[in-house]
Full PDB file with SEQRES, HELIX, SHEET, SSBOND, CRYST1, ORIGX, SCALE, CONECT and MASTER records, all heavy atoms in Angstrom:
SEQRES   1 A   39  ALA GLN LYS PHE ASP GLU ILE GLU ASN ASP ILE ASP PRO          
SEQRES   2 A   39  SER ILE LYS LEU LYS SER THR ASN LEU ASP GLN THR LEU          
SEQRES   3 A   39  ARG ALA MET ALA ALA GLN MET PRO ALA GLY GLN PRO LEU          
HELIX    1 AA1 PHE A    4  ASP A   10  1                                   7    
HELIX    2 AA2 PRO A   13  LYS A   18  1                                   6    
HELIX    3 AA3 LEU A   22  ALA A   31  1                                  10    
CRYST1    1.000    1.000    1.000  90.00  90.00  90.00 P 1           1          
ORIGX1      1.000000  0.000000  0.000000        0.00000                         
ORIGX2      0.000000  1.000000  0.000000        0.00000                         
ORIGX3      0.000000  0.000000  1.000000        0.00000                         
SCALE1      1.000000  0.000000  0.000000        0.00000                         
SCALE2      0.000000  1.000000  0.000000        0.00000                         
SCALE3      0.000000  0.000000  1.000000        0.00000                         
ATOM      1  N   ALA A   1       0.850  -1.240   0.000  1.00  0.00           N  
ATOM      2  CA  ALA A   1       0.007   0.014  -0.004  1.00  0.00           C  
ATOM      3  C   ALA A   1       0.861   1.236  -0.024  1.00  0.00           C  
ATOM      4  O   ALA A   1       0.336   2.340   0.004  1.00  0.00           O  
ATOM      5  CB  ALA A   1      -0.921   0.012   1.240  1.00  0.00           C  
ATOM      6  N   GLN A   2       2.179   1.076  -0.030  1.00  0.00           N  
ATOM      7  CA  GLN A   2       3.173   2.183   0.037  1.00  0.00           C  
ATOM      8  C   GLN A   2       2.921   3.126   1.197  1.00  0.00           C  
ATOM      9  O   GLN A   2       3.107   4.353   1.094  1.00  0.00           O  
ATOM     10  CB  GLN A   2       3.003   3.005  -1.333  1.00  0.00           C  
ATOM     11  CG  GLN A   2       3.343   2.078  -2.562  1.00  0.00           C  
ATOM     12  CD  GLN A   2       3.459   2.950  -3.796  1.00  0.00           C  
ATOM     13  OE1 GLN A   2       3.503   4.153  -3.729  1.00  0.00           O  
ATOM     14  NE2 GLN A   2       3.615   2.280  -4.937  1.00  0.00           N  
ATOM     15  N   LYS A   3       2.654   2.542   2.334  1.00  0.00           N  
ATOM     16  CA  LYS A   3       2.525   3.275   3.563  1.00  0.00           C  
ATOM     17  C   LYS A   3       3.870   3.220   4.339  1.00  0.00           C  
ATOM     18  O   LYS A   3       4.056   2.578   5.363  1.00  0.00           O  
ATOM     19  CB  LYS A   3       1.416   2.774   4.445  1.00  0.00           C  
ATOM     20  CG  LYS A   3       0.062   2.852   3.823  1.00  0.00           C  
ATOM     21  CD  LYS A   3      -1.072   2.347   4.763  1.00  0.00           C  
ATOM     22  CE  LYS A   3      -2.446   2.528   4.064  1.00  0.00           C  
ATOM     23  NZ  LYS A   3      -3.502   1.937   4.968  1.00  0.00           N  
ATOM     24  N   PHE A   4       4.831   3.906   3.689  1.00  0.00           N  
ATOM     25  CA  PHE A   4       6.240   3.791   4.162  1.00  0.00           C  
ATOM     26  C   PHE A   4       6.440   4.380   5.598  1.00  0.00           C  
ATOM     27  O   PHE A   4       7.275   3.915   6.317  1.00  0.00           O  
ATOM     28  CB  PHE A   4       7.183   4.498   3.161  1.00  0.00           C  
ATOM     29  CG  PHE A   4       6.930   3.962   1.721  1.00  0.00           C  
ATOM     30  CD1 PHE A   4       6.778   4.813   0.694  1.00  0.00           C  
ATOM     31  CD2 PHE A   4       7.037   2.610   1.519  1.00  0.00           C  
ATOM     32  CE1 PHE A   4       6.634   4.403  -0.574  1.00  0.00           C  
ATOM     33  CE2 PHE A   4       6.861   2.095   0.201  1.00  0.00           C  
ATOM     34  CZ  PHE A   4       6.644   2.993  -0.840  1.00  0.00           C  
ATOM     35  N   ASP A   5       5.727   5.417   5.864  1.00  0.00           N  
ATOM     36  CA  ASP A   5       5.911   6.114   7.195  1.00  0.00           C  
ATOM     37  C   ASP A   5       5.555   5.090   8.361  1.00  0.00           C  
ATOM     38  O   ASP A   5       6.216   5.018   9.346  1.00  0.00           O  
ATOM     39  CB  ASP A   5       5.043   7.306   7.287  1.00  0.00           C  
ATOM     40  CG  ASP A   5       5.453   8.406   6.413  1.00  0.00           C  
ATOM     41  OD1 ASP A   5       6.692   8.388   6.053  1.00  0.00           O  
ATOM     42  OD2 ASP A   5       4.672   9.343   6.113  1.00  0.00           O  
ATOM     43  N   GLU A   6       4.454   4.307   8.173  1.00  0.00           N  
ATOM     44  CA  GLU A   6       4.052   3.300   9.186  1.00  0.00           C  
ATOM     45  C   GLU A   6       5.119   2.254   9.365  1.00  0.00           C  
ATOM     46  O   GLU A   6       5.384   1.777  10.469  1.00  0.00           O  
ATOM     47  CB  GLU A   6       2.705   2.742   8.844  1.00  0.00           C  
ATOM     48  CG  GLU A   6       1.576   3.726   8.870  1.00  0.00           C  
ATOM     49  CD  GLU A   6       0.244   3.122   8.649  1.00  0.00           C  
ATOM     50  OE1 GLU A   6       0.012   1.981   9.229  1.00  0.00           O  
ATOM     51  OE2 GLU A   6      -0.605   3.704   7.891  1.00  0.00           O  
ATOM     52  N   ILE A   7       5.775   1.903   8.277  1.00  0.00           N  
ATOM     53  CA  ILE A   7       6.793   0.843   8.308  1.00  0.00           C  
ATOM     54  C   ILE A   7       8.025   1.502   9.015  1.00  0.00           C  
ATOM     55  O   ILE A   7       8.658   0.783   9.934  1.00  0.00           O  
ATOM     56  CB  ILE A   7       7.185   0.373   6.983  1.00  0.00           C  
ATOM     57  CG1 ILE A   7       5.998  -0.333   6.251  1.00  0.00           C  
ATOM     58  CG2 ILE A   7       8.424  -0.619   6.977  1.00  0.00           C  
ATOM     59  CD1 ILE A   7       6.269  -0.748   4.734  1.00  0.00           C  
ATOM     60  N   GLU A   8       8.422   2.671   8.663  1.00  0.00           N  
ATOM     61  CA  GLU A   8       9.549   3.324   9.254  1.00  0.00           C  
ATOM     62  C   GLU A   8       9.452   3.434  10.791  1.00  0.00           C  
ATOM     63  O   GLU A   8      10.385   3.341  11.539  1.00  0.00           O  
ATOM     64  CB  GLU A   8       9.819   4.617   8.619  1.00  0.00           C  
ATOM     65  CG  GLU A   8      10.428   4.561   7.276  1.00  0.00           C  
ATOM     66  CD  GLU A   8      10.881   5.952   6.668  1.00  0.00           C  
ATOM     67  OE1 GLU A   8      11.580   6.621   7.407  1.00  0.00           O  
ATOM     68  OE2 GLU A   8      10.578   6.289   5.559  1.00  0.00           O  
ATOM     69  N   ASN A   9       8.242   3.717  11.193  1.00  0.00           N  
ATOM     70  CA  ASN A   9       7.969   3.937  12.646  1.00  0.00           C  
ATOM     71  C   ASN A   9       8.342   2.597  13.467  1.00  0.00           C  
ATOM     72  O   ASN A   9       8.642   2.707  14.595  1.00  0.00           O  
ATOM     73  CB  ASN A   9       6.492   4.332  12.851  1.00  0.00           C  
ATOM     74  CG  ASN A   9       6.267   5.747  12.509  1.00  0.00           C  
ATOM     75  OD1 ASN A   9       7.139   6.573  12.341  1.00  0.00           O  
ATOM     76  ND2 ASN A   9       4.998   6.014  12.181  1.00  0.00           N  
ATOM     77  N   ASP A  10       8.157   1.466  12.835  1.00  0.00           N  
ATOM     78  CA  ASP A  10       8.383   0.193  13.496  1.00  0.00           C  
ATOM     79  C   ASP A  10       9.727  -0.442  13.224  1.00  0.00           C  
ATOM     80  O   ASP A  10       9.971  -1.601  13.684  1.00  0.00           O  
ATOM     81  CB  ASP A  10       7.237  -0.791  13.207  1.00  0.00           C  
ATOM     82  CG  ASP A  10       5.981  -0.387  13.780  1.00  0.00           C  
ATOM     83  OD1 ASP A  10       5.986   0.496  14.684  1.00  0.00           O  
ATOM     84  OD2 ASP A  10       4.942  -1.039  13.532  1.00  0.00           O  
ATOM     85  N   ILE A  11      10.584   0.240  12.391  1.00  0.00           N  
ATOM     86  CA  ILE A  11      11.897  -0.334  12.144  1.00  0.00           C  
ATOM     87  C   ILE A  11      12.750  -0.136  13.373  1.00  0.00           C  
ATOM     88  O   ILE A  11      12.795   0.959  14.052  1.00  0.00           O  
ATOM     89  CB  ILE A  11      12.564   0.387  10.904  1.00  0.00           C  
ATOM     90  CG1 ILE A  11      11.753  -0.052   9.627  1.00  0.00           C  
ATOM     91  CG2 ILE A  11      14.009  -0.043  10.776  1.00  0.00           C  
ATOM     92  CD1 ILE A  11      12.267   0.624   8.385  1.00  0.00           C  
ATOM     93  N   ASP A  12      13.491  -1.216  13.738  1.00  0.00           N  
ATOM     94  CA  ASP A  12      14.344  -1.201  14.905  1.00  0.00           C  
ATOM     95  C   ASP A  12      15.397  -0.012  14.848  1.00  0.00           C  
ATOM     96  O   ASP A  12      15.983   0.241  13.747  1.00  0.00           O  
ATOM     97  CB  ASP A  12      15.037  -2.469  15.023  1.00  0.00           C  
ATOM     98  CG  ASP A  12      15.636  -2.645  16.425  1.00  0.00           C  
ATOM     99  OD1 ASP A  12      14.875  -3.034  17.345  1.00  0.00           O  
ATOM    100  OD2 ASP A  12      16.840  -2.607  16.568  1.00  0.00           O  
ATOM    101  N   PRO A  13      15.654   0.685  15.982  1.00  0.00           N  
ATOM    102  CA  PRO A  13      16.594   1.814  15.955  1.00  0.00           C  
ATOM    103  C   PRO A  13      17.974   1.409  15.487  1.00  0.00           C  
ATOM    104  O   PRO A  13      18.669   2.169  14.836  1.00  0.00           O  
ATOM    105  CB  PRO A  13      16.648   2.233  17.460  1.00  0.00           C  
ATOM    106  CG  PRO A  13      15.274   1.830  17.991  1.00  0.00           C  
ATOM    107  CD  PRO A  13      14.923   0.497  17.222  1.00  0.00           C  
ATOM    108  N   SER A  14      18.436   0.123  15.695  1.00  0.00           N  
ATOM    109  CA  SER A  14      19.720  -0.317  15.250  1.00  0.00           C  
ATOM    110  C   SER A  14      19.780  -0.333  13.739  1.00  0.00           C  
ATOM    111  O   SER A  14      20.870  -0.088  13.127  1.00  0.00           O  
ATOM    112  CB  SER A  14      20.028  -1.730  15.821  1.00  0.00           C  
ATOM    113  OG  SER A  14      19.106  -2.682  15.325  1.00  0.00           O  
ATOM    114  N   ILE A  15      18.668  -0.602  13.069  1.00  0.00           N  
ATOM    115  CA  ILE A  15      18.705  -0.578  11.650  1.00  0.00           C  
ATOM    116  C   ILE A  15      18.635   0.856  11.072  1.00  0.00           C  
ATOM    117  O   ILE A  15      19.282   1.172  10.090  1.00  0.00           O  
ATOM    118  CB  ILE A  15      17.437  -1.328  11.136  1.00  0.00           C  
ATOM    119  CG1 ILE A  15      17.377  -2.746  11.615  1.00  0.00           C  
ATOM    120  CG2 ILE A  15      17.376  -1.328   9.559  1.00  0.00           C  
ATOM    121  CD1 ILE A  15      18.556  -3.640  11.250  1.00  0.00           C  
ATOM    122  N   LYS A  16      17.902   1.742  11.809  1.00  0.00           N  
ATOM    123  CA  LYS A  16      17.851   3.156  11.317  1.00  0.00           C  
ATOM    124  C   LYS A  16      19.211   3.751  11.349  1.00  0.00           C  
ATOM    125  O   LYS A  16      19.519   4.638  10.517  1.00  0.00           O  
ATOM    126  CB  LYS A  16      16.850   3.891  12.230  1.00  0.00           C  
ATOM    127  CG  LYS A  16      15.347   3.500  11.982  1.00  0.00           C  
ATOM    128  CD  LYS A  16      14.521   4.350  12.902  1.00  0.00           C  
ATOM    129  CE  LYS A  16      13.031   3.957  12.746  1.00  0.00           C  
ATOM    130  NZ  LYS A  16      12.132   4.718  13.588  1.00  0.00           N  
ATOM    131  N   LEU A  17      20.024   3.436  12.344  1.00  0.00           N  
ATOM    132  CA  LEU A  17      21.326   4.023  12.389  1.00  0.00           C  
ATOM    133  C   LEU A  17      22.251   3.612  11.259  1.00  0.00           C  
ATOM    134  O   LEU A  17      23.141   4.422  10.831  1.00  0.00           O  
ATOM    135  CB  LEU A  17      22.054   3.561  13.742  1.00  0.00           C  
ATOM    136  CG  LEU A  17      21.404   4.140  15.077  1.00  0.00           C  
ATOM    137  CD1 LEU A  17      22.059   3.451  16.232  1.00  0.00           C  
ATOM    138  CD2 LEU A  17      21.633   5.647  15.064  1.00  0.00           C  
ATOM    139  N   LYS A  18      21.995   2.395  10.678  1.00  0.00           N  
ATOM    140  CA  LYS A  18      22.826   1.961   9.530  1.00  0.00           C  
ATOM    141  C   LYS A  18      22.275   2.419   8.240  1.00  0.00           C  
ATOM    142  O   LYS A  18      23.071   2.460   7.225  1.00  0.00           O  
ATOM    143  CB  LYS A  18      22.905   0.415   9.580  1.00  0.00           C  
ATOM    144  CG  LYS A  18      23.490  -0.160  10.817  1.00  0.00           C  
ATOM    145  CD  LYS A  18      23.433  -1.714  10.785  1.00  0.00           C  
ATOM    146  CE  LYS A  18      23.879  -2.334  12.054  1.00  0.00           C  
ATOM    147  NZ  LYS A  18      23.821  -3.808  12.075  1.00  0.00           N  
ATOM    148  N   SER A  19      21.056   2.799   8.100  1.00  0.00           N  
ATOM    149  CA  SER A  19      20.457   3.173   6.885  1.00  0.00           C  
ATOM    150  C   SER A  19      20.429   4.685   6.658  1.00  0.00           C  
ATOM    151  O   SER A  19      20.003   5.420   7.591  1.00  0.00           O  
ATOM    152  CB  SER A  19      19.076   2.614   6.768  1.00  0.00           C  
ATOM    153  OG  SER A  19      19.075   1.232   6.917  1.00  0.00           O  
ATOM    154  N   THR A  20      20.907   5.145   5.545  1.00  0.00           N  
ATOM    155  CA  THR A  20      20.926   6.629   5.290  1.00  0.00           C  
ATOM    156  C   THR A  20      19.597   7.151   4.695  1.00  0.00           C  
ATOM    157  O   THR A  20      19.232   8.275   4.882  1.00  0.00           O  
ATOM    158  CB  THR A  20      22.061   6.970   4.265  1.00  0.00           C  
ATOM    159  OG1 THR A  20      21.915   6.129   3.112  1.00  0.00           O  
ATOM    160  CG2 THR A  20      23.420   6.589   4.950  1.00  0.00           C  
ATOM    161  N   ASN A  21      18.974   6.286   3.896  1.00  0.00           N  
ATOM    162  CA  ASN A  21      17.689   6.679   3.285  1.00  0.00           C  
ATOM    163  C   ASN A  21      16.695   5.588   3.283  1.00  0.00           C  
ATOM    164  O   ASN A  21      16.543   4.871   2.267  1.00  0.00           O  
ATOM    165  CB  ASN A  21      17.988   7.223   1.865  1.00  0.00           C  
ATOM    166  CG  ASN A  21      16.766   8.040   1.297  1.00  0.00           C  
ATOM    167  OD1 ASN A  21      15.626   7.843   1.717  1.00  0.00           O  
ATOM    168  ND2 ASN A  21      17.059   8.925   0.387  1.00  0.00           N  
ATOM    169  N   LEU A  22      15.978   5.443   4.333  1.00  0.00           N  
ATOM    170  CA  LEU A  22      15.008   4.350   4.466  1.00  0.00           C  
ATOM    171  C   LEU A  22      13.833   4.471   3.528  1.00  0.00           C  
ATOM    172  O   LEU A  22      13.382   3.536   2.876  1.00  0.00           O  
ATOM    173  CB  LEU A  22      14.510   4.289   5.924  1.00  0.00           C  
ATOM    174  CG  LEU A  22      15.285   3.624   6.981  1.00  0.00           C  
ATOM    175  CD1 LEU A  22      14.749   3.712   8.329  1.00  0.00           C  
ATOM    176  CD2 LEU A  22      15.536   2.140   6.634  1.00  0.00           C  
ATOM    177  N   ASP A  23      13.366   5.708   3.326  1.00  0.00           N  
ATOM    178  CA  ASP A  23      12.208   5.959   2.409  1.00  0.00           C  
ATOM    179  C   ASP A  23      12.523   5.527   0.997  1.00  0.00           C  
ATOM    180  O   ASP A  23      11.723   4.889   0.316  1.00  0.00           O  
ATOM    181  CB  ASP A  23      11.859   7.445   2.434  1.00  0.00           C  
ATOM    182  CG  ASP A  23      10.623   7.748   1.651  1.00  0.00           C  
ATOM    183  OD1 ASP A  23       9.486   7.365   2.100  1.00  0.00           O  
ATOM    184  OD2 ASP A  23      10.695   8.237   0.519  1.00  0.00           O  
ATOM    185  N   GLN A  24      13.707   5.826   0.526  1.00  0.00           N  
ATOM    186  CA  GLN A  24      14.146   5.413  -0.814  1.00  0.00           C  
ATOM    187  C   GLN A  24      14.252   3.912  -0.979  1.00  0.00           C  
ATOM    188  O   GLN A  24      13.867   3.351  -1.945  1.00  0.00           O  
ATOM    189  CB  GLN A  24      15.446   6.148  -1.206  1.00  0.00           C  
ATOM    190  CG  GLN A  24      15.951   5.848  -2.586  1.00  0.00           C  
ATOM    191  CD  GLN A  24      17.200   6.530  -2.912  1.00  0.00           C  
ATOM    192  OE1 GLN A  24      17.635   7.412  -2.220  1.00  0.00           O  
ATOM    193  NE2 GLN A  24      17.811   6.208  -4.056  1.00  0.00           N  
ATOM    194  N   THR A  25      14.810   3.323   0.087  1.00  0.00           N  
ATOM    195  CA  THR A  25      14.960   1.841   0.108  1.00  0.00           C  
ATOM    196  C   THR A  25      13.554   1.177   0.070  1.00  0.00           C  
ATOM    197  O   THR A  25      13.345   0.255  -0.701  1.00  0.00           O  
ATOM    198  CB  THR A  25      15.740   1.402   1.319  1.00  0.00           C  
ATOM    199  OG1 THR A  25      16.977   1.992   1.337  1.00  0.00           O  
ATOM    200  CG2 THR A  25      15.828  -0.135   1.317  1.00  0.00           C  
ATOM    201  N   LEU A  26      12.677   1.668   0.850  1.00  0.00           N  
ATOM    202  CA  LEU A  26      11.258   1.077   0.883  1.00  0.00           C  
ATOM    203  C   LEU A  26      10.608   1.246  -0.454  1.00  0.00           C  
ATOM    204  O   LEU A  26       9.848   0.380  -0.910  1.00  0.00           O  
ATOM    205  CB  LEU A  26      10.445   1.680   2.056  1.00  0.00           C  
ATOM    206  CG  LEU A  26      10.960   1.268   3.472  1.00  0.00           C  
ATOM    207  CD1 LEU A  26      10.160   2.115   4.505  1.00  0.00           C  
ATOM    208  CD2 LEU A  26      10.745  -0.201   3.709  1.00  0.00           C  
ATOM    209  N   ARG A  27      10.754   2.442  -1.059  1.00  0.00           N  
ATOM    210  CA  ARG A  27      10.102   2.670  -2.320  1.00  0.00           C  
ATOM    211  C   ARG A  27      10.665   1.714  -3.441  1.00  0.00           C  
ATOM    212  O   ARG A  27       9.953   1.256  -4.268  1.00  0.00           O  
ATOM    213  CB  ARG A  27      10.321   4.127  -2.832  1.00  0.00           C  
ATOM    214  CG  ARG A  27       9.555   5.103  -1.925  1.00  0.00           C  
ATOM    215  CD  ARG A  27       9.764   6.527  -2.402  1.00  0.00           C  
ATOM    216  NE  ARG A  27       9.009   7.437  -1.516  1.00  0.00           N  
ATOM    217  CZ  ARG A  27       7.711   7.786  -1.627  1.00  0.00           C  
ATOM    218  NH1 ARG A  27       7.007   7.234  -2.611  1.00  0.00           N  
ATOM    219  NH2 ARG A  27       7.175   8.629  -0.790  1.00  0.00           N  
ATOM    220  N   ALA A  28      11.997   1.468  -3.386  1.00  0.00           N  
ATOM    221  CA  ALA A  28      12.613   0.564  -4.321  1.00  0.00           C  
ATOM    222  C   ALA A  28      12.023  -0.863  -4.078  1.00  0.00           C  
ATOM    223  O   ALA A  28      11.798  -1.648  -5.089  1.00  0.00           O  
ATOM    224  CB  ALA A  28      14.072   0.534  -4.195  1.00  0.00           C  
ATOM    225  N   MET A  29      11.851  -1.262  -2.812  1.00  0.00           N  
ATOM    226  CA  MET A  29      11.300  -2.615  -2.520  1.00  0.00           C  
ATOM    227  C   MET A  29       9.854  -2.668  -3.055  1.00  0.00           C  
ATOM    228  O   MET A  29       9.458  -3.743  -3.664  1.00  0.00           O  
ATOM    229  CB  MET A  29      11.379  -2.812  -1.067  1.00  0.00           C  
ATOM    230  CG  MET A  29      12.716  -3.065  -0.479  1.00  0.00           C  
ATOM    231  SD  MET A  29      12.770  -2.974   1.314  1.00  0.00           S  
ATOM    232  CE  MET A  29      11.503  -4.140   1.816  1.00  0.00           C  
ATOM    233  N   ALA A  30       9.077  -1.669  -2.838  1.00  0.00           N  
ATOM    234  CA  ALA A  30       7.622  -1.711  -3.268  1.00  0.00           C  
ATOM    235  C   ALA A  30       7.573  -1.751  -4.785  1.00  0.00           C  
ATOM    236  O   ALA A  30       6.638  -2.356  -5.312  1.00  0.00           O  
ATOM    237  CB  ALA A  30       6.971  -0.432  -2.756  1.00  0.00           C  
ATOM    238  N   ALA A  31       8.510  -1.126  -5.484  1.00  0.00           N  
ATOM    239  CA  ALA A  31       8.487  -1.111  -6.935  1.00  0.00           C  
ATOM    240  C   ALA A  31       8.675  -2.488  -7.501  1.00  0.00           C  
ATOM    241  O   ALA A  31       8.331  -2.753  -8.690  1.00  0.00           O  
ATOM    242  CB  ALA A  31       9.615  -0.189  -7.489  1.00  0.00           C  
ATOM    243  N   GLN A  32       9.260  -3.412  -6.750  1.00  0.00           N  
ATOM    244  CA  GLN A  32       9.500  -4.795  -7.193  1.00  0.00           C  
ATOM    245  C   GLN A  32       8.257  -5.695  -7.111  1.00  0.00           C  
ATOM    246  O   GLN A  32       8.288  -6.791  -7.598  1.00  0.00           O  
ATOM    247  CB  GLN A  32      10.631  -5.411  -6.453  1.00  0.00           C  
ATOM    248  CG  GLN A  32      11.989  -4.724  -6.659  1.00  0.00           C  
ATOM    249  CD  GLN A  32      13.108  -5.503  -6.101  1.00  0.00           C  
ATOM    250  OE1 GLN A  32      13.491  -6.580  -6.597  1.00  0.00           O  
ATOM    251  NE2 GLN A  32      13.719  -5.004  -5.051  1.00  0.00           N  
ATOM    252  N   MET A  33       7.270  -5.134  -6.439  1.00  0.00           N  
ATOM    253  CA  MET A  33       6.031  -5.934  -6.230  1.00  0.00           C  
ATOM    254  C   MET A  33       4.967  -5.508  -7.278  1.00  0.00           C  
ATOM    255  O   MET A  33       4.612  -4.311  -7.317  1.00  0.00           O  
ATOM    256  CB  MET A  33       5.506  -5.812  -4.824  1.00  0.00           C  
ATOM    257  CG  MET A  33       6.498  -6.228  -3.754  1.00  0.00           C  
ATOM    258  SD  MET A  33       5.778  -6.290  -2.127  1.00  0.00           S  
ATOM    259  CE  MET A  33       4.539  -7.611  -2.315  1.00  0.00           C  
ATOM    260  N   PRO A  34       4.470  -6.376  -8.100  1.00  0.00           N  
ATOM    261  CA  PRO A  34       3.488  -6.011  -9.090  1.00  0.00           C  
ATOM    262  C   PRO A  34       2.202  -5.536  -8.429  1.00  0.00           C  
ATOM    263  O   PRO A  34       1.915  -5.901  -7.296  1.00  0.00           O  
ATOM    264  CB  PRO A  34       3.246  -7.332  -9.828  1.00  0.00           C  
ATOM    265  CG  PRO A  34       4.467  -8.145  -9.645  1.00  0.00           C  
ATOM    266  CD  PRO A  34       4.886  -7.798  -8.232  1.00  0.00           C  
ATOM    267  N   ALA A  35       1.493  -4.740  -9.182  1.00  0.00           N  
ATOM    268  CA  ALA A  35       0.168  -4.270  -8.654  1.00  0.00           C  
ATOM    269  C   ALA A  35      -0.872  -5.454  -8.658  1.00  0.00           C  
ATOM    270  O   ALA A  35      -0.721  -6.404  -9.446  1.00  0.00           O  
ATOM    271  CB  ALA A  35      -0.299  -3.076  -9.489  1.00  0.00           C  
ATOM    272  N   GLY A  36      -1.847  -5.263  -7.855  1.00  0.00           N  
ATOM    273  CA  GLY A  36      -2.907  -6.311  -7.807  1.00  0.00           C  
ATOM    274  C   GLY A  36      -2.613  -7.397  -6.847  1.00  0.00           C  
ATOM    275  O   GLY A  36      -1.539  -7.465  -6.165  1.00  0.00           O  
ATOM    276  N   GLN A  37      -3.547  -8.278  -6.701  1.00  0.00           N  
ATOM    277  CA  GLN A  37      -3.477  -9.357  -5.697  1.00  0.00           C  
ATOM    278  C   GLN A  37      -2.632 -10.595  -6.269  1.00  0.00           C  
ATOM    279  O   GLN A  37      -2.773 -10.893  -7.514  1.00  0.00           O  
ATOM    280  CB  GLN A  37      -4.886  -9.879  -5.277  1.00  0.00           C  
ATOM    281  CG  GLN A  37      -5.693  -8.871  -4.547  1.00  0.00           C  
ATOM    282  CD  GLN A  37      -5.056  -8.450  -3.256  1.00  0.00           C  
ATOM    283  OE1 GLN A  37      -4.525  -9.358  -2.501  1.00  0.00           O  
ATOM    284  NE2 GLN A  37      -5.042  -7.178  -2.904  1.00  0.00           N  
ATOM    285  N   PRO A  38      -1.830 -11.168  -5.445  1.00  0.00           N  
ATOM    286  CA  PRO A  38      -1.086 -12.347  -6.002  1.00  0.00           C  
ATOM    287  C   PRO A  38      -1.927 -13.546  -6.196  1.00  0.00           C  
ATOM    288  O   PRO A  38      -2.972 -13.724  -5.561  1.00  0.00           O  
ATOM    289  CB  PRO A  38      -0.118 -12.605  -4.802  1.00  0.00           C  
ATOM    290  CG  PRO A  38      -0.733 -12.076  -3.611  1.00  0.00           C  
ATOM    291  CD  PRO A  38      -1.550 -10.836  -4.013  1.00  0.00           C  
ATOM    292  N   LEU A  39      -1.515 -14.453  -7.088  1.00  0.00           N  
ATOM    293  CA  LEU A  39      -2.251 -15.697  -7.326  1.00  0.00           C  
ATOM    294  C   LEU A  39      -2.171 -16.635  -6.058  1.00  0.00           C  
ATOM    295  O   LEU A  39      -3.101 -17.353  -5.801  1.00  0.00           O  
ATOM    296  CB  LEU A  39      -1.746 -16.342  -8.532  1.00  0.00           C  
ATOM    297  CG  LEU A  39      -1.834 -15.596  -9.901  1.00  0.00           C  
ATOM    298  CD1 LEU A  39      -1.237 -16.425 -10.988  1.00  0.00           C  
ATOM    299  CD2 LEU A  39      -3.264 -15.260 -10.146  1.00  0.00           C  
TER     300      LEU A  39                                                      
MASTER        0    0    0    3    0    0    0    6  299    1    0    3          
END                                                                             
């Protein structure tokens, strides 16, 4: 659903310290998932 803010809120602080741009990473991940429901 591309609700990246809600995902970022629950990412562990240790991961946030290592990641420079979480929003961009999440958008790239979402782009790999086709639209619509899976079979």
